[in-house]
Amino acid sequence: LPAADRSRALAMFQSLPEWDLAAPALAVLAPDSDPELLQRVADTA
């Protein structure tokens, strides 16, 4: 559940690979998420 603030949301998905989670991930996003955030989500979740 990323923050509504765009920069915090981007930081969350940027740090996610460092967590080394073995489980699949499902992101719940705001409907007005911008293309950069969507691309970051597609790369990590």
PDB file of all heavy atoms in Angstrom:
ATOM      1  N   LEU A   1       0.861  -1.183   0.000  1.00  0.00           N
ATOM      2  CA  LEU A   1       0.000   0.000   0.000  1.00  0.00           C
ATOM      3  C   LEU A   1       0.902   1.240   0.000  1.00  0.00           C
ATOM      4  O   LEU A   1       1.277   1.743   1.059  1.00  0.00           O
ATOM      5  CB  LEU A   1      -0.901   0.021   1.240  1.00  0.00           C
ATOM      6  CG  LEU A   1      -2.050  -0.995   1.274  1.00  0.00           C
ATOM      7  CD1 LEU A   1      -2.765  -0.931   2.606  1.00  0.00           C
ATOM      8  CD2 LEU A   1      -3.025  -0.719   0.156  1.00  0.00           C
ATOM      9  N   PRO A   2       1.302   1.752  -1.164  1.00  0.00           N
ATOM     10  CA  PRO A   2       2.198   2.910  -1.207  1.00  0.00           C
ATOM     11  C   PRO A   2       1.486   4.183  -0.761  1.00  0.00           C
ATOM     12  O   PRO A   2       0.255   4.276  -0.778  1.00  0.00           O
ATOM     13  CB  PRO A   2       2.597   2.992  -2.682  1.00  0.00           C
ATOM     14  CG  PRO A   2       1.468   2.355  -3.412  1.00  0.00           C
ATOM     15  CD  PRO A   2       0.948   1.264  -2.517  1.00  0.00           C
ATOM     16  N   ALA A   3       2.282   5.166  -0.377  1.00  0.00           N
ATOM     17  CA  ALA A   3       1.736   6.459   0.040  1.00  0.00           C
ATOM     18  C   ALA A   3       1.113   7.181  -1.143  1.00  0.00           C
ATOM     19  O   ALA A   3       1.468   6.936  -2.300  1.00  0.00           O
ATOM     20  CB  ALA A   3       2.847   7.312   0.657  1.00  0.00           C
ATOM     21  N   ALA A   4       0.189   8.091  -0.841  1.00  0.00           N
ATOM     22  CA  ALA A   4      -0.400   8.907  -1.902  1.00  0.00           C
ATOM     23  C   ALA A   4       0.639   9.851  -2.484  1.00  0.00           C
ATOM     24  O   ALA A   4       0.570  10.216  -3.655  1.00  0.00           O
ATOM     25  CB  ALA A   4      -1.587   9.695  -1.351  1.00  0.00           C
ATOM     26  N   ASP A   5       1.632  10.242  -1.680  1.00  0.00           N
ATOM     27  CA  ASP A   5       2.704  11.104  -2.163  1.00  0.00           C
ATOM     28  C   ASP A   5       3.548  10.344  -3.181  1.00  0.00           C
ATOM     29  O   ASP A   5       4.056   9.250  -2.907  1.00  0.00           O
ATOM     30  CB  ASP A   5       3.583  11.548  -0.981  1.00  0.00           C
ATOM     31  CG  ASP A   5       4.736  12.421  -1.428  1.00  0.00           C
ATOM     32  OD1 ASP A   5       4.499  13.590  -1.747  1.00  0.00           O
ATOM     33  OD2 ASP A   5       5.875  11.907  -1.473  1.00  0.00           O
ATOM     34  N   ARG A   6       3.709  10.930  -4.368  1.00  0.00           N
ATOM     35  CA  ARG A   6       4.379  10.242  -5.467  1.00  0.00           C
ATOM     36  C   ARG A   6       5.818   9.875  -5.135  1.00  0.00           C
ATOM     37  O   ARG A   6       6.277   8.767  -5.423  1.00  0.00           O
ATOM     38  CB  ARG A   6       4.320  11.130  -6.712  1.00  0.00           C
ATOM     39  CG  ARG A   6       5.038  10.578  -7.934  1.00  0.00           C
ATOM     40  CD  ARG A   6       4.856  11.533  -9.113  1.00  0.00           C
ATOM     41  NE  ARG A   6       5.629  11.108 -10.265  1.00  0.00           N
ATOM     42  CZ  ARG A   6       6.909  11.436 -10.454  1.00  0.00           C
ATOM     43  NH1 ARG A   6       7.529  12.179  -9.542  1.00  0.00           N
ATOM     44  NH2 ARG A   6       7.555  11.022 -11.527  1.00  0.00           N
ATOM     45  N   SER A   7       6.571  10.803  -4.544  1.00  0.00           N
ATOM     46  CA  SER A   7       7.983  10.538  -4.265  1.00  0.00           C
ATOM     47  C   SER A   7       8.148   9.414  -3.246  1.00  0.00           C
ATOM     48  O   SER A   7       9.047   8.573  -3.375  1.00  0.00           O
ATOM     49  CB  SER A   7       8.668  11.817  -3.774  1.00  0.00           C
ATOM     50  OG  SER A   7       8.037  12.311  -2.603  1.00  0.00           O
ATOM     51  N   ARG A   8       7.274   9.368  -2.233  1.00  0.00           N
ATOM     52  CA  ARG A   8       7.349   8.282  -1.241  1.00  0.00           C
ATOM     53  C   ARG A   8       6.980   6.946  -1.887  1.00  0.00           C
ATOM     54  O   ARG A   8       7.583   5.910  -1.572  1.00  0.00           O
ATOM     55  CB  ARG A   8       6.423   8.572  -0.061  1.00  0.00           C
ATOM     56  CG  ARG A   8       6.907   9.662   0.866  1.00  0.00           C
ATOM     57  CD  ARG A   8       6.006   9.789   2.094  1.00  0.00           C
ATOM     58  NE  ARG A   8       6.022   8.556   2.868  1.00  0.00           N
ATOM     59  CZ  ARG A   8       6.879   8.286   3.855  1.00  0.00           C
ATOM     60  NH1 ARG A   8       7.813   9.179   4.155  1.00  0.00           N
ATOM     61  NH2 ARG A   8       6.815   7.159   4.518  1.00  0.00           N
ATOM     62  N   ALA A   9       5.988   6.971  -2.777  1.00  0.00           N
ATOM     63  CA  ALA A   9       5.592   5.732  -3.450  1.00  0.00           C
ATOM     64  C   ALA A   9       6.728   5.196  -4.319  1.00  0.00           C
ATOM     65  O   ALA A   9       7.024   3.991  -4.317  1.00  0.00           O
ATOM     66  CB  ALA A   9       4.339   5.977  -4.285  1.00  0.00           C
ATOM     67  N   LEU A  10       7.389   6.093  -5.070  1.00  0.00           N
ATOM     68  CA  LEU A  10       8.513   5.666  -5.903  1.00  0.00           C
ATOM     69  C   LEU A  10       9.640   5.098  -5.048  1.00  0.00           C
ATOM     70  O   LEU A  10      10.259   4.089  -5.396  1.00  0.00           O
ATOM     71  CB  LEU A  10       9.028   6.847  -6.729  1.00  0.00           C
ATOM     72  CG  LEU A  10       8.170   7.275  -7.924  1.00  0.00           C
ATOM     73  CD1 LEU A  10       8.654   8.608  -8.487  1.00  0.00           C
ATOM     74  CD2 LEU A  10       8.188   6.210  -9.017  1.00  0.00           C
ATOM     75  N   ALA A  11       9.916   5.744  -3.903  1.00  0.00           N
ATOM     76  CA  ALA A  11      10.975   5.266  -3.012  1.00  0.00           C
ATOM     77  C   ALA A  11      10.656   3.879  -2.469  1.00  0.00           C
ATOM     78  O   ALA A  11      11.541   3.034  -2.312  1.00  0.00           O
ATOM     79  CB  ALA A  11      11.170   6.258  -1.868  1.00  0.00           C
ATOM     80  N   MET A  12       9.380   3.631  -2.187  1.00  0.00           N
ATOM     81  CA  MET A  12       8.968   2.331  -1.652  1.00  0.00           C
ATOM     82  C   MET A  12       9.280   1.220  -2.646  1.00  0.00           C
ATOM     83  O   MET A  12       9.868   0.194  -2.299  1.00  0.00           O
ATOM     84  CB  MET A  12       7.468   2.358  -1.331  1.00  0.00           C
ATOM     85  CG  MET A  12       6.904   1.035  -0.833  1.00  0.00           C
ATOM     86  SD  MET A  12       5.123   1.165  -0.521  1.00  0.00           S
ATOM     87  CE  MET A  12       4.795  -0.440   0.197  1.00  0.00           C
ATOM     88  N   PHE A  13       8.912   1.418  -3.918  1.00  0.00           N
ATOM     89  CA  PHE A  13       9.136   0.371  -4.915  1.00  0.00           C
ATOM     90  C   PHE A  13      10.612   0.272  -5.313  1.00  0.00           C
ATOM     91  O   PHE A  13      11.077  -0.788  -5.702  1.00  0.00           O
ATOM     92  CB  PHE A  13       8.251   0.616  -6.135  1.00  0.00           C
ATOM     93  CG  PHE A  13       6.805   0.358  -5.870  1.00  0.00           C
ATOM     94  CD1 PHE A  13       5.916   1.410  -5.699  1.00  0.00           C
ATOM     95  CD2 PHE A  13       6.329  -0.936  -5.740  1.00  0.00           C
ATOM     96  CE1 PHE A  13       4.583   1.175  -5.419  1.00  0.00           C
ATOM     97  CE2 PHE A  13       4.997  -1.181  -5.463  1.00  0.00           C
ATOM     98  CZ  PHE A  13       4.119  -0.127  -5.304  1.00  0.00           C
ATOM     99  N   GLN A  14      11.340   1.376  -5.157  1.00  0.00           N
ATOM    100  CA  GLN A  14      12.765   1.334  -5.446  1.00  0.00           C
ATOM    101  C   GLN A  14      13.516   0.496  -4.415  1.00  0.00           C
ATOM    102  O   GLN A  14      14.481  -0.212  -4.741  1.00  0.00           O
ATOM    103  CB  GLN A  14      13.327   2.760  -5.475  1.00  0.00           C
ATOM    104  CG  GLN A  14      14.775   2.838  -5.948  1.00  0.00           C
ATOM    105  CD  GLN A  14      15.229   4.269  -6.123  1.00  0.00           C
ATOM    106  OE1 GLN A  14      14.539   5.211  -5.735  1.00  0.00           O
ATOM    107  NE2 GLN A  14      16.384   4.454  -6.726  1.00  0.00           N
ATOM    108  N   SER A  15      13.071   0.547  -3.158  1.00  0.00           N
ATOM    109  CA  SER A  15      13.752  -0.198  -2.095  1.00  0.00           C
ATOM    110  C   SER A  15      13.271  -1.637  -1.977  1.00  0.00           C
ATOM    111  O   SER A  15      13.913  -2.444  -1.311  1.00  0.00           O
ATOM    112  CB  SER A  15      13.543   0.511  -0.754  1.00  0.00           C
ATOM    113  OG  SER A  15      12.163   0.536  -0.413  1.00  0.00           O
ATOM    114  N   LEU A  16      12.162  -1.971  -2.620  1.00  0.00           N
ATOM    115  CA  LEU A  16      11.568  -3.299  -2.448  1.00  0.00           C
ATOM    116  C   LEU A  16      12.520  -4.449  -2.821  1.00  0.00           C
ATOM    117  O   LEU A  16      12.586  -5.447  -2.085  1.00  0.00           O
ATOM    118  CB  LEU A  16      10.268  -3.392  -3.259  1.00  0.00           C
ATOM    119  CG  LEU A  16       9.355  -4.573  -2.926  1.00  0.00           C
ATOM    120  CD1 LEU A  16       8.840  -4.457  -1.495  1.00  0.00           C
ATOM    121  CD2 LEU A  16       8.182  -4.637  -3.892  1.00  0.00           C
ATOM    122  N   PRO A  17      13.292  -4.372  -3.935  1.00  0.00           N
ATOM    123  CA  PRO A  17      14.196  -5.490  -4.251  1.00  0.00           C
ATOM    124  C   PRO A  17      15.224  -5.775  -3.151  1.00  0.00           C
ATOM    125  O   PRO A  17      15.667  -6.908  -2.991  1.00  0.00           O
ATOM    126  CB  PRO A  17      14.876  -5.029  -5.543  1.00  0.00           C
ATOM    127  CG  PRO A  17      13.912  -4.066  -6.166  1.00  0.00           C
ATOM    128  CD  PRO A  17      13.278  -3.367  -5.005  1.00  0.00           C
ATOM    129  N   GLU A  18      15.596  -4.727  -2.356  1.00  0.00           N
ATOM    130  CA  GLU A  18      16.577  -4.916  -1.292  1.00  0.00           C
ATOM    131  C   GLU A  18      16.012  -5.736  -0.137  1.00  0.00           C
ATOM    132  O   GLU A  18      16.769  -6.251   0.685  1.00  0.00           O
ATOM    133  CB  GLU A  18      17.049  -3.550  -0.782  1.00  0.00           C
ATOM    134  CG  GLU A  18      17.667  -2.665  -1.862  1.00  0.00           C
ATOM    135  CD  GLU A  18      17.923  -1.263  -1.367  1.00  0.00           C
ATOM    136  OE1 GLU A  18      17.678  -1.011  -0.167  1.00  0.00           O
ATOM    137  OE2 GLU A  18      18.373  -0.416  -2.177  1.00  0.00           O
ATOM    138  N   TRP A  19      14.679  -5.842  -0.059  1.00  0.00           N
ATOM    139  CA  TRP A  19      14.063  -6.582   1.031  1.00  0.00           C
ATOM    140  C   TRP A  19      14.215  -8.088   0.856  1.00  0.00           C
ATOM    141  O   TRP A  19      14.040  -8.848   1.791  1.00  0.00           O
ATOM    142  CB  TRP A  19      12.573  -6.233   1.123  1.00  0.00           C
ATOM    143  CG  TRP A  19      12.313  -4.845   1.596  1.00  0.00           C
ATOM    144  CD1 TRP A  19      13.093  -3.739   1.392  1.00  0.00           C
ATOM    145  CD2 TRP A  19      11.197  -4.401   2.348  1.00  0.00           C
ATOM    146  NE1 TRP A  19      12.537  -2.636   1.956  1.00  0.00           N
ATOM    147  CE2 TRP A  19      11.364  -3.003   2.563  1.00  0.00           C
ATOM    148  CE3 TRP A  19      10.070  -5.026   2.861  1.00  0.00           C
ATOM    149  CZ2 TRP A  19      10.444  -2.255   3.265  1.00  0.00           C
ATOM    150  CZ3 TRP A  19       9.149  -4.271   3.559  1.00  0.00           C
ATOM    151  CH2 TRP A  19       9.335  -2.898   3.765  1.00  0.00           C
ATOM    152  N   ASP A  20      14.498  -8.510  -0.394  1.00  0.00           N
ATOM    153  CA  ASP A  20      14.732  -9.921  -0.682  1.00  0.00           C
ATOM    154  C   ASP A  20      13.538 -10.787  -0.229  1.00  0.00           C
ATOM    155  O   ASP A  20      13.680 -11.769   0.484  1.00  0.00           O
ATOM    156  CB  ASP A  20      16.015 -10.399   0.008  1.00  0.00           C
ATOM    157  CG  ASP A  20      16.488 -11.744  -0.539  1.00  0.00           C
ATOM    158  OD1 ASP A  20      16.125 -12.067  -1.688  1.00  0.00           O
ATOM    159  OD2 ASP A  20      17.188 -12.462   0.194  1.00  0.00           O
ATOM    160  N   LEU A  21      12.343 -10.390  -0.654  1.00  0.00           N
ATOM    161  CA  LEU A  21      11.121 -11.132  -0.300  1.00  0.00           C
ATOM    162  C   LEU A  21      10.930 -12.298  -1.269  1.00  0.00           C
ATOM    163  O   LEU A  21      10.990 -12.133  -2.474  1.00  0.00           O
ATOM    164  CB  LEU A  21       9.906 -10.211  -0.367  1.00  0.00           C
ATOM    165  CG  LEU A  21       9.941  -8.982   0.565  1.00  0.00           C
ATOM    166  CD1 LEU A  21       8.750  -8.088   0.298  1.00  0.00           C
ATOM    167  CD2 LEU A  21       9.966  -9.419   2.017  1.00  0.00           C
ATOM    168  N   ALA A  22      10.691 -13.474  -0.724  1.00  0.00           N
ATOM    169  CA  ALA A  22      10.530 -14.651  -1.572  1.00  0.00           C
ATOM    170  C   ALA A  22       9.107 -14.768  -2.112  1.00  0.00           C
ATOM    171  O   ALA A  22       8.852 -15.511  -3.058  1.00  0.00           O
ATOM    172  CB  ALA A  22      10.885 -15.911  -0.784  1.00  0.00           C
ATOM    173  N   ALA A  23       8.167 -14.036  -1.533  1.00  0.00           N
ATOM    174  CA  ALA A  23       6.750 -14.175  -1.895  1.00  0.00           C
ATOM    175  C   ALA A  23       6.388 -13.236  -3.039  1.00  0.00           C
ATOM    176  O   ALA A  23       7.021 -12.185  -3.221  1.00  0.00           O
ATOM    177  CB  ALA A  23       5.875 -13.881  -0.681  1.00  0.00           C
ATOM    178  N   PRO A  24       5.369 -13.574  -3.827  1.00  0.00           N
ATOM    179  CA  PRO A  24       4.868 -12.636  -4.845  1.00  0.00           C
ATOM    180  C   PRO A  24       4.272 -11.396  -4.196  1.00  0.00           C
ATOM    181  O   PRO A  24       3.847 -11.434  -3.036  1.00  0.00           O
ATOM    182  CB  PRO A  24       3.813 -13.452  -5.595  1.00  0.00           C
ATOM    183  CG  PRO A  24       3.402 -14.521  -4.652  1.00  0.00           C
ATOM    184  CD  PRO A  24       4.612 -14.847  -3.828  1.00  0.00           C
ATOM    185  N   ALA A  25       4.245 -10.279  -4.943  1.00  0.00           N
ATOM    186  CA  ALA A  25       3.782  -9.000  -4.391  1.00  0.00           C
ATOM    187  C   ALA A  25       2.630  -8.449  -5.226  1.00  0.00           C
ATOM    188  O   ALA A  25       2.672  -8.470  -6.453  1.00  0.00           O
ATOM    189  CB  ALA A  25       4.926  -7.988  -4.353  1.00  0.00           C
ATOM    190  N   LEU A  26       1.608  -7.940  -4.528  1.00  0.00           N
ATOM    191  CA  LEU A  26       0.452  -7.294  -5.155  1.00  0.00           C
ATOM    192  C   LEU A  26       0.397  -5.856  -4.659  1.00  0.00           C
ATOM    193  O   LEU A  26       0.336  -5.612  -3.449  1.00  0.00           O
ATOM    194  CB  LEU A  26      -0.841  -8.024  -4.783  1.00  0.00           C
ATOM    195  CG  LEU A  26      -2.163  -7.353  -5.191  1.00  0.00           C
ATOM    196  CD1 LEU A  26      -2.300  -7.313  -6.703  1.00  0.00           C
ATOM    197  CD2 LEU A  26      -3.357  -8.066  -4.567  1.00  0.00           C
ATOM    198  N   ALA A  27       0.451  -4.889  -5.578  1.00  0.00           N
ATOM    199  CA  ALA A  27       0.413  -3.471  -5.214  1.00  0.00           C
ATOM    200  C   ALA A  27      -1.000  -2.927  -5.385  1.00  0.00           C
ATOM    201  O   ALA A  27      -1.699  -3.277  -6.341  1.00  0.00           O
ATOM    202  CB  ALA A  27       1.391  -2.677  -6.077  1.00  0.00           C
ATOM    203  N   VAL A  28      -1.412  -2.071  -4.458  1.00  0.00           N
ATOM    204  CA  VAL A  28      -2.721  -1.408  -4.524  1.00  0.00           C
ATOM    205  C   VAL A  28      -2.446   0.077  -4.744  1.00  0.00           C
ATOM    206  O   VAL A  28      -1.896   0.756  -3.871  1.00  0.00           O
ATOM    207  CB  VAL A  28      -3.535  -1.632  -3.239  1.00  0.00           C
ATOM    208  CG1 VAL A  28      -4.904  -0.978  -3.372  1.00  0.00           C
ATOM    209  CG2 VAL A  28      -3.683  -3.117  -2.944  1.00  0.00           C
ATOM    210  N   LEU A  29      -2.817   0.595  -5.929  1.00  0.00           N
ATOM    211  CA  LEU A  29      -2.398   1.934  -6.352  1.00  0.00           C
ATOM    212  C   LEU A  29      -3.570   2.896  -6.461  1.00  0.00           C
ATOM    213  O   LEU A  29      -4.714   2.480  -6.683  1.00  0.00           O
ATOM    214  CB  LEU A  29      -1.705   1.858  -7.719  1.00  0.00           C
ATOM    215  CG  LEU A  29      -0.501   0.915  -7.826  1.00  0.00           C
ATOM    216  CD1 LEU A  29      -0.018   0.895  -9.267  1.00  0.00           C
ATOM    217  CD2 LEU A  29       0.604   1.355  -6.893  1.00  0.00           C
ATOM    218  N   ALA A  30      -3.256   4.179  -6.345  1.00  0.00           N
ATOM    219  CA  ALA A  30      -4.249   5.225  -6.595  1.00  0.00           C
ATOM    220  C   ALA A  30      -4.600   5.241  -8.080  1.00  0.00           C
ATOM    221  O   ALA A  30      -3.736   4.977  -8.925  1.00  0.00           O
ATOM    222  CB  ALA A  30      -3.694   6.578  -6.168  1.00  0.00           C
ATOM    223  N   PRO A  31      -5.851   5.541  -8.435  1.00  0.00           N
ATOM    224  CA  PRO A  31      -6.259   5.488  -9.848  1.00  0.00           C
ATOM    225  C   PRO A  31      -5.569   6.515 -10.727  1.00  0.00           C
ATOM    226  O   PRO A  31      -5.524   6.354 -11.940  1.00  0.00           O
ATOM    227  CB  PRO A  31      -7.776   5.750  -9.784  1.00  0.00           C
ATOM    228  CG  PRO A  31      -8.009   6.412  -8.473  1.00  0.00           C
ATOM    229  CD  PRO A  31      -6.970   5.875  -7.537  1.00  0.00           C
ATOM    230  N   ASP A  32      -4.986   7.573 -10.135  1.00  0.00           N
ATOM    231  CA  ASP A  32      -4.323   8.596 -10.949  1.00  0.00           C
ATOM    232  C   ASP A  32      -2.805   8.440 -10.927  1.00  0.00           C
ATOM    233  O   ASP A  32      -2.067   9.390 -11.183  1.00  0.00           O
ATOM    234  CB  ASP A  32      -4.710   9.997 -10.464  1.00  0.00           C
ATOM    235  CG  ASP A  32      -4.364  10.224  -8.998  1.00  0.00           C
ATOM    236  OD1 ASP A  32      -4.001   9.241  -8.315  1.00  0.00           O
ATOM    237  OD2 ASP A  32      -4.467  11.380  -8.529  1.00  0.00           O
ATOM    238  N   SER A  33      -2.319   7.237 -10.637  1.00  0.00           N
ATOM    239  CA  SER A  33      -0.872   6.996 -10.608  1.00  0.00           C
ATOM    240  C   SER A  33      -0.257   7.328 -11.966  1.00  0.00           C
ATOM    241  O   SER A  33      -0.797   6.960 -13.007  1.00  0.00           O
ATOM    242  CB  SER A  33      -0.590   5.540 -10.254  1.00  0.00           C
ATOM    243  OG  SER A  33      -1.086   5.220  -8.970  1.00  0.00           O
ATOM    244  N   ASP A  34       0.899   8.013 -11.945  1.00  0.00           N
ATOM    245  CA  ASP A  34       1.490   8.459 -13.198  1.00  0.00           C
ATOM    246  C   ASP A  34       2.276   7.337 -13.876  1.00  0.00           C
ATOM    247  O   ASP A  34       2.561   6.297 -13.266  1.00  0.00           O
ATOM    248  CB  ASP A  34       2.365   9.695 -12.980  1.00  0.00           C
ATOM    249  CG  ASP A  34       3.594   9.406 -12.125  1.00  0.00           C
ATOM    250  OD1 ASP A  34       4.037   8.249 -12.067  1.00  0.00           O
ATOM    251  OD2 ASP A  34       4.108  10.350 -11.509  1.00  0.00           O
ATOM    252  N   PRO A  35       2.643   7.513 -15.165  1.00  0.00           N
ATOM    253  CA  PRO A  35       3.322   6.449 -15.913  1.00  0.00           C
ATOM    254  C   PRO A  35       4.630   5.977 -15.291  1.00  0.00           C
ATOM    255  O   PRO A  35       4.941   4.787 -15.322  1.00  0.00           O
ATOM    256  CB  PRO A  35       3.557   7.091 -17.290  1.00  0.00           C
ATOM    257  CG  PRO A  35       2.480   8.110 -17.416  1.00  0.00           C
ATOM    258  CD  PRO A  35       2.261   8.639 -16.033  1.00  0.00           C
ATOM    259  N   GLU A  36       5.413   6.900 -14.699  1.00  0.00           N
ATOM    260  CA  GLU A  36       6.686   6.484 -14.092  1.00  0.00           C
ATOM    261  C   GLU A  36       6.458   5.535 -12.932  1.00  0.00           C
ATOM    262  O   GLU A  36       7.157   4.524 -12.784  1.00  0.00           O
ATOM    263  CB  GLU A  36       7.473   7.711 -13.623  1.00  0.00           C
ATOM    264  CG  GLU A  36       8.845   7.345 -13.061  1.00  0.00           C
ATOM    265  CD  GLU A  36       9.609   8.560 -12.546  1.00  0.00           C
ATOM    266  OE1 GLU A  36       9.091   9.681 -12.673  1.00  0.00           O
ATOM    267  OE2 GLU A  36      10.710   8.365 -12.004  1.00  0.00           O
ATOM    268  N   LEU A  37       5.455   5.840 -12.098  1.00  0.00           N
ATOM    269  CA  LEU A  37       5.154   4.954 -10.975  1.00  0.00           C
ATOM    270  C   LEU A  37       4.651   3.606 -11.474  1.00  0.00           C
ATOM    271  O   LEU A  37       5.041   2.547 -10.953  1.00  0.00           O
ATOM    272  CB  LEU A  37       4.116   5.618 -10.056  1.00  0.00           C
ATOM    273  CG  LEU A  37       3.664   4.781  -8.840  1.00  0.00           C
ATOM    274  CD1 LEU A  37       4.847   4.405  -7.967  1.00  0.00           C
ATOM    275  CD2 LEU A  37       2.615   5.541  -8.034  1.00  0.00           C
ATOM    276  N   LEU A  38       3.789   3.619 -12.486  1.00  0.00           N
ATOM    277  CA  LEU A  38       3.276   2.364 -13.028  1.00  0.00           C
ATOM    278  C   LEU A  38       4.400   1.500 -13.591  1.00  0.00           C
ATOM    279  O   LEU A  38       4.411   0.279 -13.422  1.00  0.00           O
ATOM    280  CB  LEU A  38       2.242   2.655 -14.124  1.00  0.00           C
ATOM    281  CG  LEU A  38       0.898   3.222 -13.650  1.00  0.00           C
ATOM    282  CD1 LEU A  38       0.075   3.673 -14.840  1.00  0.00           C
ATOM    283  CD2 LEU A  38       0.128   2.197 -12.843  1.00  0.00           C
ATOM    284  N   GLN A  39       5.367   2.146 -14.260  1.00  0.00           N
ATOM    285  CA  GLN A  39       6.486   1.386 -14.806  1.00  0.00           C
ATOM    286  C   GLN A  39       7.339   0.796 -13.681  1.00  0.00           C
ATOM    287  O   GLN A  39       7.790  -0.354 -13.763  1.00  0.00           O
ATOM    288  CB  GLN A  39       7.349   2.287 -15.679  1.00  0.00           C
ATOM    289  CG  GLN A  39       8.442   1.547 -16.445  1.00  0.00           C
ATOM    290  CD  GLN A  39       7.872   0.514 -17.395  1.00  0.00           C
ATOM    291  OE1 GLN A  39       7.116   0.834 -18.297  1.00  0.00           O
ATOM    292  NE2 GLN A  39       8.225  -0.748 -17.183  1.00  0.00           N
ATOM    293  N   ARG A  40       7.546   1.563 -12.601  1.00  0.00           N
ATOM    294  CA  ARG A  40       8.314   1.066 -11.468  1.00  0.00           C
ATOM    295  C   ARG A  40       7.603  -0.122 -10.827  1.00  0.00           C
ATOM    296  O   ARG A  40       8.239  -1.111 -10.442  1.00  0.00           O
ATOM    297  CB  ARG A  40       8.494   2.193 -10.448  1.00  0.00           C
ATOM    298  CG  ARG A  40       9.405   1.859  -9.278  1.00  0.00           C
ATOM    299  CD  ARG A  40      10.850   1.747  -9.701  1.00  0.00           C
ATOM    300  NE  ARG A  40      11.337   2.972 -10.299  1.00  0.00           N
ATOM    301  CZ  ARG A  40      11.794   4.027  -9.614  1.00  0.00           C
ATOM    302  NH1 ARG A  40      11.826   3.995  -8.302  1.00  0.00           N
ATOM    303  NH2 ARG A  40      12.235   5.094 -10.248  1.00  0.00           N
ATOM    304  N   VAL A  41       6.271  -0.029 -10.722  1.00  0.00           N
ATOM    305  CA  VAL A  41       5.491  -1.142 -10.163  1.00  0.00           C
ATOM    306  C   VAL A  41       5.618  -2.380 -11.043  1.00  0.00           C
ATOM    307  O   VAL A  41       5.796  -3.502 -10.561  1.00  0.00           O
ATOM    308  CB  VAL A  41       4.001  -0.735 -10.013  1.00  0.00           C
ATOM    309  CG1 VAL A  41       3.158  -1.929  -9.606  1.00  0.00           C
ATOM    310  CG2 VAL A  41       3.864   0.371  -8.989  1.00  0.00           C
ATOM    311  N   ALA A  42       5.523  -2.190 -12.362  1.00  0.00           N
ATOM    312  CA  ALA A  42       5.623  -3.323 -13.281  1.00  0.00           C
ATOM    313  C   ALA A  42       6.973  -4.019 -13.174  1.00  0.00           C
ATOM    314  O   ALA A  42       7.079  -5.231 -13.387  1.00  0.00           O
ATOM    315  CB  ALA A  42       5.394  -2.852 -14.719  1.00  0.00           C
ATOM    316  N   ASP A  43       8.022  -3.253 -12.835  1.00  0.00           N
ATOM    317  CA  ASP A  43       9.358  -3.837 -12.734  1.00  0.00           C
ATOM    318  C   ASP A  43       9.582  -4.588 -11.429  1.00  0.00           C
ATOM    319  O   ASP A  43      10.477  -5.432 -11.350  1.00  0.00           O
ATOM    320  CB  ASP A  43      10.420  -2.721 -12.853  1.00  0.00           C
ATOM    321  CG  ASP A  43      10.446  -2.104 -14.244  1.00  0.00           C
ATOM    322  OD1 ASP A  43       9.969  -2.765 -15.188  1.00  0.00           O
ATOM    323  OD2 ASP A  43      10.931  -0.965 -14.368  1.00  0.00           O
ATOM    324  N   THR A  44       8.791  -4.264 -10.371  1.00  0.00           N
ATOM    325  CA  THR A  44       9.080  -4.837  -9.056  1.00  0.00           C
ATOM    326  C   THR A  44       7.985  -5.734  -8.506  1.00  0.00           C
ATOM    327  O   THR A  44       8.278  -6.699  -7.809  1.00  0.00           O
ATOM    328  CB  THR A  44       9.350  -3.709  -8.037  1.00  0.00           C
ATOM    329  OG1 THR A  44       8.256  -2.783  -8.058  1.00  0.00           O
ATOM    330  CG2 THR A  44      10.626  -2.963  -8.371  1.00  0.00           C
ATOM    331  N   ALA A  45       6.716  -5.424  -8.810  1.00  0.00           N
ATOM    332  CA  ALA A  45       5.604  -6.217  -8.263  1.00  0.00           C
ATOM    333  C   ALA A  45       5.138  -7.251  -9.289  1.00  0.00           C
ATOM    334  O   ALA A  45       5.447  -7.149 -10.478  1.00  0.00           O
ATOM    335  CB  ALA A  45       4.446  -5.302  -7.864  1.00  0.00           C
TER     336      ALA A  45
END
